Amino acid sequence: MNALSALVAFALGLAPAAVPSAAPARWETLYEAGVKAQWFTAVWLKSDGSWRAGGKDLIVSGDAAGVRTTAIEGFVVYAFGEDKAGGVVAVGSRQGVWEERGTVFERVHERPGPPRTGRAAHKDVLEGVRYLDPQRPERLVAYGSLHLTVSKEPNQAWRSDENDDVASRGSLGPELKPPAGCHTAGWHWVGFNDGILDCHEGMAYLYSGPTPASLGQLPHACGMSMRVAVRDGPDVFVVCGQKGQIWRQTSGEREWTPVAGVTGVQALQARGGCILVATTRAILRQCAGGANKSAGTTR
């Protein structure tokens, strides 16, 4: 409304016309677990808009052709990644590694022998997979706690190593001196050398270049640390707090905004304007206008 129109409206006692606001993007349910004993722990978005999700006994894939499931009875998927050719890899319990081949996932590695139990079973958990070896950059590494890796060189089979220091880089991040006043709580990879550091004091920093960029104080609801942190272009998303709430910060703003509509988030990925999340029992997606969301759904 221009100045003349506003003056006329004031003289006639008319309320100014409201400026319409964009409706928030809605959450779309892509898949719901059909068996009570199944739950989700990991998600992945590809650049083409297709998605993957995994957890106990199950890997789920969705694209324009629909939704497909791969049974992995006796295993749990804890993370996804991609090789340099764009192939999706899943990793999880019992040193399990699955490669996507066509429309299904095939298990290509597991610890030989019967599954270990108790604390010993935790030593066999792979919690991430990425290229993170500075000395051998072509080596795709699945890593666990302590010193466990299961890795693959080009044109070779996956092999395990229970005394590999690269595992510490995967779990704890690169060796770096935290900013003053920060005692490291966790490291979250967002690129080959990039990551987000969170501090016990409730602060977070984005490392993407020679100087870390402060993300300011995490929302009060987060407590002292966060369970998930990812980046999509200028946006950083974190999941934290007892309710598993998603928060967003856009580059340069240093202000956290809650992403409404879903809580209890166990895993999160953001890519190309879309957010993919797993709750314990469901996979959901939210996409900004114009984002590629060609993947199929099932209810």
C-alpha atoms as a PDB file:
ATOM      1  CA  MET A   1       0.000   0.000   0.000  1.00  0.00           C
ATOM      2  CA  ASN A   2       1.487   3.381  -1.042  1.00  0.00           C
ATOM      3  CA  ALA A   3       1.395   6.552   1.061  1.00  0.00           C
ATOM      4  CA  LEU A   4      -1.638   8.070  -0.757  1.00  0.00           C
ATOM      5  CA  SER A   5      -3.657   4.885  -0.406  1.00  0.00           C
ATOM      6  CA  ALA A   6      -2.771   4.664   3.268  1.00  0.00           C
ATOM      7  CA  LEU A   7      -3.905   8.274   3.818  1.00  0.00           C
ATOM      8  CA  VAL A   8      -7.231   7.605   2.066  1.00  0.00           C
ATOM      9  CA  ALA A   9      -7.747   4.434   4.063  1.00  0.00           C
ATOM     10  CA  PHE A  10      -7.022   6.275   7.296  1.00  0.00           C
ATOM     11  CA  ALA A  11      -9.463   9.059   6.397  1.00  0.00           C
ATOM     12  CA  LEU A  12     -12.208   6.547   5.611  1.00  0.00           C
ATOM     13  CA  GLY A  13     -11.479   4.461   8.694  1.00  0.00           C
ATOM     14  CA  LEU A  14     -10.481   1.417   6.634  1.00  0.00           C
ATOM     15  CA  ALA A  15      -7.984  -1.169   7.832  1.00  0.00           C
ATOM     16  CA  PRO A  16      -4.990  -1.598   5.531  1.00  0.00           C
ATOM     17  CA  ALA A  17      -4.977  -4.731   3.424  1.00  0.00           C
ATOM     18  CA  ALA A  18      -2.963  -7.557   4.959  1.00  0.00           C
ATOM     19  CA  VAL A  19       0.051  -8.809   3.083  1.00  0.00           C
ATOM     20  CA  PRO A  20      -0.417 -12.542   2.490  1.00  0.00           C
ATOM     21  CA  SER A  21       2.271 -14.721   4.096  1.00  0.00           C
ATOM     22  CA  ALA A  22       3.628 -17.912   2.632  1.00  0.00           C
ATOM     23  CA  ALA A  23       2.193 -21.051   4.176  1.00  0.00           C
ATOM     24  CA  PRO A  24       4.803 -23.188   5.971  1.00  0.00           C
ATOM     25  CA  ALA A  25       5.941 -26.252   4.071  1.00  0.00           C
ATOM     26  CA  ARG A  26       4.031 -29.309   5.239  1.00  0.00           C
ATOM     27  CA  TRP A  27       5.502 -32.587   6.426  1.00  0.00           C
ATOM     28  CA  GLU A  28       4.844 -35.586   4.204  1.00  0.00           C
ATOM     29  CA  THR A  29       4.851 -39.096   5.667  1.00  0.00           C
ATOM     30  CA  LEU A  30       6.863 -41.323   3.336  1.00  0.00           C
ATOM     31  CA  TYR A  31       6.827 -44.588   5.248  1.00  0.00           C
ATOM     32  CA  GLU A  32       5.609 -46.022   8.551  1.00  0.00           C
ATOM     33  CA  ALA A  33       7.008 -49.163  10.151  1.00  0.00           C
ATOM     34  CA  GLY A  34       4.469 -51.955  10.003  1.00  0.00           C
ATOM     35  CA  VAL A  35       5.997 -54.182  12.674  1.00  0.00           C
ATOM     36  CA  LYS A  36       6.224 -53.065  16.276  1.00  0.00           C
ATOM     37  CA  ALA A  37       9.712 -54.530  16.703  1.00  0.00           C
ATOM     38  CA  GLN A  38      11.143 -52.346  13.894  1.00  0.00           C
ATOM     39  CA  TRP A  39      12.467 -48.833  14.409  1.00  0.00           C
ATOM     40  CA  PHE A  40      14.465 -46.279  12.430  1.00  0.00           C
ATOM     41  CA  THR A  41      17.898 -44.880  13.211  1.00  0.00           C
ATOM     42  CA  ALA A  42      19.305 -43.456   9.931  1.00  0.00           C
ATOM     43  CA  VAL A  43      18.230 -41.570   6.795  1.00  0.00           C
ATOM     44  CA  TRP A  44      19.845 -40.410   3.534  1.00  0.00           C
ATOM     45  CA  LEU A  45      18.831 -38.014   0.738  1.00  0.00           C
ATOM     46  CA  LYS A  46      20.345 -38.225  -2.725  1.00  0.00           C
ATOM     47  CA  SER A  47      20.758 -35.241  -5.028  1.00  0.00           C
ATOM     48  CA  ASP A  48      18.039 -36.622  -7.341  1.00  0.00           C
ATOM     49  CA  GLY A  49      15.434 -36.381  -4.558  1.00  0.00           C
ATOM     50  CA  SER A  50      15.305 -40.102  -3.783  1.00  0.00           C
ATOM     51  CA  TRP A  51      15.667 -41.205  -0.175  1.00  0.00           C
ATOM     52  CA  ARG A  52      16.851 -44.087   2.001  1.00  0.00           C
ATOM     53  CA  ALA A  53      16.076 -45.029   5.596  1.00  0.00           C
ATOM     54  CA  GLY A  54      17.261 -47.818   7.835  1.00  0.00           C
ATOM     55  CA  GLY A  55      17.023 -49.234  11.306  1.00  0.00           C
ATOM     56  CA  LYS A  56      16.317 -52.543  12.956  1.00  0.00           C
ATOM     57  CA  ASP A  57      15.826 -55.391  10.470  1.00  0.00           C
ATOM     58  CA  LEU A  58      14.984 -53.074   7.548  1.00  0.00           C
ATOM     59  CA  ILE A  59      16.281 -50.733   4.828  1.00  0.00           C
ATOM     60  CA  VAL A  60      13.698 -48.670   2.909  1.00  0.00           C
ATOM     61  CA  SER A  61      14.254 -46.876  -0.435  1.00  0.00           C
ATOM     62  CA  GLY A  62      11.963 -44.362  -2.135  1.00  0.00           C
ATOM     63  CA  ASP A  63      12.052 -42.727  -5.573  1.00  0.00           C
ATOM     64  CA  ALA A  64       9.720 -41.812  -8.428  1.00  0.00           C
ATOM     65  CA  ALA A  65       9.034 -45.524  -9.034  1.00  0.00           C
ATOM     66  CA  GLY A  66       7.736 -46.084  -5.502  1.00  0.00           C
ATOM     67  CA  VAL A  67       8.933 -47.498  -2.190  1.00  0.00           C
ATOM     68  CA  ARG A  68      10.941 -50.713  -1.747  1.00  0.00           C
ATOM     69  CA  THR A  69      12.155 -52.566   1.333  1.00  0.00           C
ATOM     70  CA  THR A  70      15.165 -54.792   1.973  1.00  0.00           C
ATOM     71  CA  ALA A  71      15.007 -57.148   4.958  1.00  0.00           C
ATOM     72  CA  ILE A  72      18.197 -57.295   7.073  1.00  0.00           C
ATOM     73  CA  GLU A  73      17.036 -59.553   9.886  1.00  0.00           C
ATOM     74  CA  GLY A  74      19.289 -59.507  12.915  1.00  0.00           C
ATOM     75  CA  PHE A  75      21.049 -56.243  11.969  1.00  0.00           C
ATOM     76  CA  VAL A  76      20.558 -52.526  12.668  1.00  0.00           C
ATOM     77  CA  VAL A  77      21.583 -49.762  10.238  1.00  0.00           C
ATOM     78  CA  TYR A  78      23.134 -46.754  11.983  1.00  0.00           C
ATOM     79  CA  ALA A  79      24.337 -44.598   9.076  1.00  0.00           C
ATOM     80  CA  PHE A  80      24.342 -44.076   5.306  1.00  0.00           C
ATOM     81  CA  GLY A  81      26.867 -42.546   2.952  1.00  0.00           C
ATOM     82  CA  GLU A  82      27.791 -42.379  -0.729  1.00  0.00           C
ATOM     83  CA  ASP A  83      30.814 -43.491  -2.684  1.00  0.00           C
ATOM     84  CA  LYS A  84      32.347 -41.229  -5.317  1.00  0.00           C
ATOM     85  CA  ALA A  85      30.205 -42.802  -8.040  1.00  0.00           C
ATOM     86  CA  GLY A  86      27.030 -41.856  -6.129  1.00  0.00           C
ATOM     87  CA  GLY A  87      26.332 -45.375  -4.867  1.00  0.00           C
ATOM     88  CA  VAL A  88      24.607 -45.535  -1.485  1.00  0.00           C
ATOM     89  CA  VAL A  89      26.246 -47.505   1.331  1.00  0.00           C
ATOM     90  CA  ALA A  90      24.663 -48.455   4.665  1.00  0.00           C
ATOM     91  CA  VAL A  91      26.574 -49.513   7.788  1.00  0.00           C
ATOM     92  CA  GLY A  92      25.537 -50.759  11.194  1.00  0.00           C
ATOM     93  CA  SER A  93      25.721 -53.510  13.777  1.00  0.00           C
ATOM     94  CA  ARG A  94      27.916 -56.635  13.590  1.00  0.00           C
ATOM     95  CA  GLN A  95      30.295 -54.728  11.273  1.00  0.00           C
ATOM     96  CA  GLY A  96      27.553 -54.883   8.672  1.00  0.00           C
ATOM     97  CA  VAL A  97      28.027 -53.053   5.354  1.00  0.00           C
ATOM     98  CA  TRP A  98      25.396 -52.968   2.597  1.00  0.00           C
ATOM     99  CA  GLU A  99      25.808 -51.616  -0.930  1.00  0.00           C
ATOM    100  CA  GLU A 100      22.819 -50.573  -3.023  1.00  0.00           C
ATOM    101  CA  ARG A 101      22.762 -52.612  -6.210  1.00  0.00           C
ATOM    102  CA  GLY A 102      19.884 -51.875  -8.533  1.00  0.00           C
ATOM    103  CA  THR A 103      16.736 -51.695  -6.429  1.00  0.00           C
ATOM    104  CA  VAL A 104      17.988 -53.640  -3.384  1.00  0.00           C
ATOM    105  CA  PHE A 105      20.728 -53.483  -0.794  1.00  0.00           C
ATOM    106  CA  GLU A 106      23.167 -56.394  -0.593  1.00  0.00           C
ATOM    107  CA  ARG A 107      25.228 -57.138   2.488  1.00  0.00           C
ATOM    108  CA  VAL A 108      28.884 -57.141   1.454  1.00  0.00           C
ATOM    109  CA  HIS A 109      30.550 -57.385   4.862  1.00  0.00           C
ATOM    110  CA  GLU A 110      29.855 -58.633   8.384  1.00  0.00           C
ATOM    111  CA  ARG A 111      31.954 -59.872  11.267  1.00  0.00           C
ATOM    112  CA  PRO A 112      32.453 -63.611  10.843  1.00  0.00           C
ATOM    113  CA  GLY A 113      31.099 -65.955  13.480  1.00  0.00           C
ATOM    114  CA  PRO A 114      28.097 -65.672  15.793  1.00  0.00           C
ATOM    115  CA  PRO A 115      27.010 -62.186  16.945  1.00  0.00           C
ATOM    116  CA  ARG A 116      28.755 -60.976  20.066  1.00  0.00           C
ATOM    117  CA  THR A 117      26.625 -59.833  22.998  1.00  0.00           C
ATOM    118  CA  GLY A 118      26.848 -57.223  25.742  1.00  0.00           C
ATOM    119  CA  ARG A 119      29.711 -54.747  25.638  1.00  0.00           C
ATOM    120  CA  ALA A 120      31.502 -56.834  23.045  1.00  0.00           C
ATOM    121  CA  ALA A 121      28.620 -56.242  20.601  1.00  0.00           C
ATOM    122  CA  HIS A 122      29.131 -52.473  20.890  1.00  0.00           C
ATOM    123  CA  LYS A 123      32.678 -52.882  19.585  1.00  0.00           C
ATOM    124  CA  ASP A 124      31.231 -54.225  16.320  1.00  0.00           C
ATOM    125  CA  VAL A 125      28.950 -51.229  15.657  1.00  0.00           C
ATOM    126  CA  LEU A 126      29.756 -49.032  12.642  1.00  0.00           C
ATOM    127  CA  GLU A 127      28.357 -45.540  13.228  1.00  0.00           C
ATOM    128  CA  GLY A 128      29.398 -43.660  10.086  1.00  0.00           C
ATOM    129  CA  VAL A 129      30.835 -44.034   6.584  1.00  0.00           C
ATOM    130  CA  ARG A 130      32.706 -41.445   4.523  1.00  0.00           C
ATOM    131  CA  TYR A 131      35.987 -40.513   2.886  1.00  0.00           C
ATOM    132  CA  LEU A 132      38.022 -39.247   5.832  1.00  0.00           C
ATOM    133  CA  ASP A 133      41.558 -40.622   5.489  1.00  0.00           C
ATOM    134  CA  PRO A 134      43.852 -37.700   4.514  1.00  0.00           C
ATOM    135  CA  GLN A 135      46.648 -40.118   3.614  1.00  0.00           C
ATOM    136  CA  ARG A 136      44.469 -42.332   1.402  1.00  0.00           C
ATOM    137  CA  PRO A 137      41.675 -40.100   0.069  1.00  0.00           C
ATOM    138  CA  GLU A 138      40.272 -42.819  -2.237  1.00  0.00           C
ATOM    139  CA  ARG A 139      39.600 -45.089   0.731  1.00  0.00           C
ATOM    140  CA  LEU A 140      35.944 -45.220   1.792  1.00  0.00           C
ATOM    141  CA  VAL A 141      35.878 -45.786   5.553  1.00  0.00           C
ATOM    142  CA  ALA A 142      33.117 -47.128   7.767  1.00  0.00           C
ATOM    143  CA  TYR A 143      34.094 -46.379  11.351  1.00  0.00           C
ATOM    144  CA  GLY A 144      33.032 -47.297  14.847  1.00  0.00           C
ATOM    145  CA  SER A 145      34.103 -46.434  18.345  1.00  0.00           C
ATOM    146  CA  LEU A 146      37.597 -47.141  19.627  1.00  0.00           C
ATOM    147  CA  HIS A 147      39.731 -48.216  16.637  1.00  0.00           C
ATOM    148  CA  LEU A 148      37.373 -50.224  14.417  1.00  0.00           C
ATOM    149  CA  THR A 149      37.147 -49.529  10.693  1.00  0.00           C
ATOM    150  CA  VAL A 150      35.767 -51.462   7.750  1.00  0.00           C
ATOM    151  CA  SER A 151      37.109 -49.848   4.595  1.00  0.00           C
ATOM    152  CA  LYS A 152      37.259 -50.254   0.849  1.00  0.00           C
ATOM    153  CA  GLU A 153      39.854 -49.161  -1.680  1.00  0.00           C
ATOM    154  CA  PRO A 154      38.845 -48.765  -5.349  1.00  0.00           C
ATOM    155  CA  ASN A 155      38.200 -52.146  -7.012  1.00  0.00           C
ATOM    156  CA  GLN A 156      38.823 -54.039  -3.775  1.00  0.00           C
ATOM    157  CA  ALA A 157      36.646 -55.802  -1.218  1.00  0.00           C
ATOM    158  CA  TRP A 158      35.715 -54.372   2.180  1.00  0.00           C
ATOM    159  CA  ARG A 159      38.162 -55.326   4.934  1.00  0.00           C
ATOM    160  CA  SER A 160      38.033 -54.798   8.690  1.00  0.00           C
ATOM    161  CA  ASP A 161      40.745 -53.438  10.962  1.00  0.00           C
ATOM    162  CA  GLU A 162      40.244 -53.320  14.739  1.00  0.00           C
ATOM    163  CA  ASN A 163      43.363 -51.223  15.332  1.00  0.00           C
ATOM    164  CA  ASP A 164      42.935 -48.294  12.945  1.00  0.00           C
ATOM    165  CA  ASP A 165      43.490 -44.759  14.278  1.00  0.00           C
ATOM    166  CA  VAL A 166      41.393 -43.325  11.423  1.00  0.00           C
ATOM    167  CA  ALA A 167      38.348 -44.486  13.418  1.00  0.00           C
ATOM    168  CA  SER A 168      39.058 -41.762  15.974  1.00  0.00           C
ATOM    169  CA  ARG A 169      38.997 -39.114  13.241  1.00  0.00           C
ATOM    170  CA  GLY A 170      35.612 -40.421  12.151  1.00  0.00           C
ATOM    171  CA  SER A 171      34.083 -40.423  15.638  1.00  0.00           C
ATOM    172  CA  LEU A 172      35.826 -37.418  17.203  1.00  0.00           C
ATOM    173  CA  GLY A 173      36.667 -35.264  14.183  1.00  0.00           C
ATOM    174  CA  PRO A 174      40.019 -33.816  13.153  1.00  0.00           C
ATOM    175  CA  GLU A 175      42.600 -32.761  15.697  1.00  0.00           C
ATOM    176  CA  LEU A 176      41.960 -29.082  16.298  1.00  0.00           C
ATOM    177  CA  LYS A 177      42.119 -26.542  19.072  1.00  0.00           C
ATOM    178  CA  PRO A 178      38.598 -25.464  20.054  1.00  0.00           C
ATOM    179  CA  PRO A 179      37.793 -21.753  20.352  1.00  0.00           C
ATOM    180  CA  ALA A 180      38.409 -20.085  23.696  1.00  0.00           C
ATOM    181  CA  GLY A 181      35.741 -20.943  26.238  1.00  0.00           C
ATOM    182  CA  CYS A 182      34.690 -24.128  24.427  1.00  0.00           C
ATOM    183  CA  HIS A 183      35.135 -27.610  25.827  1.00  0.00           C
ATOM    184  CA  THR A 184      34.353 -30.032  23.019  1.00  0.00           C
ATOM    185  CA  ALA A 185      31.149 -32.061  23.382  1.00  0.00           C
ATOM    186  CA  GLY A 186      30.948 -33.511  19.880  1.00  0.00           C
ATOM    187  CA  TRP A 187      31.891 -33.254  16.226  1.00  0.00           C
ATOM    188  CA  HIS A 188      29.434 -33.629  13.323  1.00  0.00           C
ATOM    189  CA  TRP A 189      30.810 -34.093   9.791  1.00  0.00           C
ATOM    190  CA  VAL A 190      29.176 -32.008   7.040  1.00  0.00           C
ATOM    191  CA  GLY A 191      31.855 -32.472   4.327  1.00  0.00           C
ATOM    192  CA  PHE A 192      35.260 -34.022   3.668  1.00  0.00           C
ATOM    193  CA  ASN A 193      37.023 -31.524   5.920  1.00  0.00           C
ATOM    194  CA  ASP A 194      34.030 -29.520   7.165  1.00  0.00           C
ATOM    195  CA  GLY A 195      32.103 -30.085  10.351  1.00  0.00           C
ATOM    196  CA  ILE A 196      30.176 -28.594  13.230  1.00  0.00           C
ATOM    197  CA  LEU A 197      31.692 -28.551  16.701  1.00  0.00           C
ATOM    198  CA  ASP A 198      29.445 -28.254  19.726  1.00  0.00           C
ATOM    199  CA  CYS A 199      30.637 -27.338  23.195  1.00  0.00           C
ATOM    200  CA  HIS A 200      29.649 -28.377  26.694  1.00  0.00           C
ATOM    201  CA  GLU A 201      28.999 -24.682  27.325  1.00  0.00           C
ATOM    202  CA  GLY A 202      26.087 -24.815  24.825  1.00  0.00           C
ATOM    203  CA  MET A 203      27.795 -23.089  21.894  1.00  0.00           C
ATOM    204  CA  ALA A 204      28.445 -24.379  18.365  1.00  0.00           C
ATOM    205  CA  TYR A 205      30.917 -23.546  15.574  1.00  0.00           C
ATOM    206  CA  LEU A 206      30.957 -24.320  11.856  1.00  0.00           C
ATOM    207  CA  TYR A 207      34.362 -25.317  10.469  1.00  0.00           C
ATOM    208  CA  SER A 208      34.438 -24.680   6.730  1.00  0.00           C
ATOM    209  CA  GLY A 209      37.672 -22.888   5.974  1.00  0.00           C
ATOM    210  CA  PRO A 210      40.598 -21.534   7.960  1.00  0.00           C
ATOM    211  CA  THR A 211      38.481 -19.796  10.604  1.00  0.00           C
ATOM    212  CA  PRO A 212      35.536 -21.351  12.470  1.00  0.00           C
ATOM    213  CA  ALA A 213      32.251 -19.440  12.203  1.00  0.00           C
ATOM    214  CA  SER A 214      30.293 -19.094  15.410  1.00  0.00           C
ATOM    215  CA  LEU A 215      26.730 -20.419  15.353  1.00  0.00           C
ATOM    216  CA  GLY A 216      26.119 -18.746  18.682  1.00  0.00           C
ATOM    217  CA  GLN A 217      24.422 -20.245  21.684  1.00  0.00           C
ATOM    218  CA  LEU A 218      22.279 -23.283  21.030  1.00  0.00           C
ATOM    219  CA  PRO A 219      18.596 -22.939  21.958  1.00  0.00           C
ATOM    220  CA  HIS A 220      17.954 -23.292  25.683  1.00  0.00           C
ATOM    221  CA  ALA A 221      15.820 -26.381  24.992  1.00  0.00           C
ATOM    222  CA  CYS A 222      18.888 -28.151  23.647  1.00  0.00           C
ATOM    223  CA  GLY A 223      20.607 -28.335  27.000  1.00  0.00           C
ATOM    224  CA  MET A 224      24.361 -28.577  26.681  1.00  0.00           C
ATOM    225  CA  SER A 225      24.797 -30.521  23.433  1.00  0.00           C
ATOM    226  CA  MET A 226      23.075 -31.732  20.272  1.00  0.00           C
ATOM    227  CA  ARG A 227      22.553 -35.213  18.861  1.00  0.00           C
ATOM    228  CA  VAL A 228      22.483 -34.355  15.119  1.00  0.00           C
ATOM    229  CA  ALA A 229      23.844 -31.469  13.033  1.00  0.00           C
ATOM    230  CA  VAL A 230      23.719 -31.147   9.235  1.00  0.00           C
ATOM    231  CA  ARG A 231      24.139 -28.388   6.646  1.00  0.00           C
ATOM    232  CA  ASP A 232      22.314 -27.672   3.393  1.00  0.00           C
ATOM    233  CA  GLY A 233      23.753 -24.648   1.607  1.00  0.00           C
ATOM    234  CA  PRO A 234      23.387 -21.629   3.908  1.00  0.00           C
ATOM    235  CA  ASP A 235      21.179 -23.503   6.392  1.00  0.00           C
ATOM    236  CA  VAL A 236      22.341 -25.455   9.427  1.00  0.00           C
ATOM    237  CA  PHE A 237      19.921 -27.842  11.139  1.00  0.00           C
ATOM    238  CA  VAL A 238      20.379 -29.396  14.567  1.00  0.00           C
ATOM    239  CA  VAL A 239      18.342 -31.871  16.584  1.00  0.00           C
ATOM    240  CA  CYS A 240      18.590 -31.608  20.320  1.00  0.00           C
ATOM    241  CA  GLY A 241      16.730 -31.606  23.609  1.00  0.00           C
ATOM    242  CA  GLN A 242      14.656 -34.325  25.233  1.00  0.00           C
ATOM    243  CA  LYS A 243      11.850 -33.800  22.702  1.00  0.00           C
ATOM    244  CA  GLY A 244      14.082 -34.326  19.655  1.00  0.00           C
ATOM    245  CA  GLN A 245      13.218 -30.903  18.213  1.00  0.00           C
ATOM    246  CA  ILE A 246      14.692 -29.585  14.935  1.00  0.00           C
ATOM    247  CA  TRP A 247      16.177 -26.072  14.874  1.00  0.00           C
ATOM    248  CA  ARG A 248      17.377 -24.101  11.859  1.00  0.00           C
ATOM    249  CA  GLN A 249      19.899 -21.294  11.460  1.00  0.00           C
ATOM    250  CA  THR A 250      20.604 -19.524   8.168  1.00  0.00           C
ATOM    251  CA  SER A 251      24.134 -18.275   7.495  1.00  0.00           C
ATOM    252  CA  GLY A 252      24.797 -14.850   8.965  1.00  0.00           C
ATOM    253  CA  GLU A 253      21.710 -14.733  11.168  1.00  0.00           C
ATOM    254  CA  ARG A 254      23.077 -16.396  14.333  1.00  0.00           C
ATOM    255  CA  GLU A 255      19.508 -16.998  15.455  1.00  0.00           C
ATOM    256  CA  TRP A 256      17.907 -20.426  15.869  1.00  0.00           C
ATOM    257  CA  THR A 257      14.334 -21.006  14.699  1.00  0.00           C
ATOM    258  CA  PRO A 258      12.345 -24.139  15.580  1.00  0.00           C
ATOM    259  CA  VAL A 259      11.124 -26.250  12.675  1.00  0.00           C
ATOM    260  CA  ALA A 260       7.552 -27.059  13.617  1.00  0.00           C
ATOM    261  CA  GLY A 261       5.484 -30.132  12.891  1.00  0.00           C
ATOM    262  CA  VAL A 262       7.653 -33.026  14.053  1.00  0.00           C
ATOM    263  CA  THR A 263       9.430 -34.044  17.276  1.00  0.00           C
ATOM    264  CA  GLY A 264      11.031 -37.218  18.511  1.00  0.00           C
ATOM    265  CA  VAL A 265      13.554 -37.020  15.675  1.00  0.00           C
ATOM    266  CA  GLN A 266      16.120 -39.836  15.690  1.00  0.00           C
ATOM    267  CA  ALA A 267      17.948 -39.006  12.436  1.00  0.00           C
ATOM    268  CA  LEU A 268      17.999 -36.084   9.997  1.00  0.00           C
ATOM    269  CA  GLN A 269      19.423 -35.242   6.570  1.00  0.00           C
ATOM    270  CA  ALA A 270      19.025 -32.051   4.534  1.00  0.00           C
ATOM    271  CA  ARG A 271      19.824 -31.652   0.842  1.00  0.00           C
ATOM    272  CA  GLY A 272      18.607 -29.522  -2.047  1.00  0.00           C
ATOM    273  CA  GLY A 273      15.975 -27.685   0.003  1.00  0.00           C
ATOM    274  CA  CYS A 274      14.457 -30.844   1.520  1.00  0.00           C
ATOM    275  CA  ILE A 275      14.641 -32.180   5.076  1.00  0.00           C
ATOM    276  CA  LEU A 276      14.325 -35.936   5.665  1.00  0.00           C
ATOM    277  CA  VAL A 277      13.805 -37.210   9.192  1.00  0.00           C
ATOM    278  CA  ALA A 278      13.265 -40.472  10.999  1.00  0.00           C
ATOM    279  CA  THR A 279      11.232 -40.785  14.151  1.00  0.00           C
ATOM    280  CA  THR A 280      11.218 -44.139  15.858  1.00  0.00           C
ATOM    281  CA  ARG A 281       8.379 -45.408  13.674  1.00  0.00           C
ATOM    282  CA  ALA A 282       8.107 -43.154  10.616  1.00  0.00           C
ATOM    283  CA  ILE A 283      10.017 -41.398   7.825  1.00  0.00           C
ATOM    284  CA  LEU A 284       8.924 -37.847   6.987  1.00  0.00           C
ATOM    285  CA  ARG A 285      10.016 -35.198   4.498  1.00  0.00           C
ATOM    286  CA  GLN A 286       9.573 -31.437   4.173  1.00  0.00           C
ATOM    287  CA  CYS A 287      10.636 -29.570   1.028  1.00  0.00           C
ATOM    288  CA  ALA A 288      10.828 -25.870   0.246  1.00  0.00           C
ATOM    289  CA  GLY A 289       9.083 -24.626  -2.877  1.00  0.00           C
ATOM    290  CA  GLY A 290      10.854 -25.757  -6.036  1.00  0.00           C
ATOM    291  CA  ALA A 291      12.922 -28.448  -4.303  1.00  0.00           C
ATOM    292  CA  ASN A 292      13.334 -31.830  -5.990  1.00  0.00           C
ATOM    293  CA  LYS A 293      11.011 -34.290  -4.237  1.00  0.00           C
ATOM    294  CA  SER A 294      10.439 -36.876  -6.909  1.00  0.00           C
ATOM    295  CA  ALA A 295      10.609 -39.791  -4.487  1.00  0.00           C
ATOM    296  CA  GLY A 296       7.656 -42.085  -3.882  1.00  0.00           C
ATOM    297  CA  THR A 297       5.601 -42.398  -0.717  1.00  0.00           C
ATOM    298  CA  THR A 298       3.524 -44.989   1.039  1.00  0.00           C
ATOM    299  CA  ARG A 299       1.160 -44.639   3.949  1.00  0.00           C
END
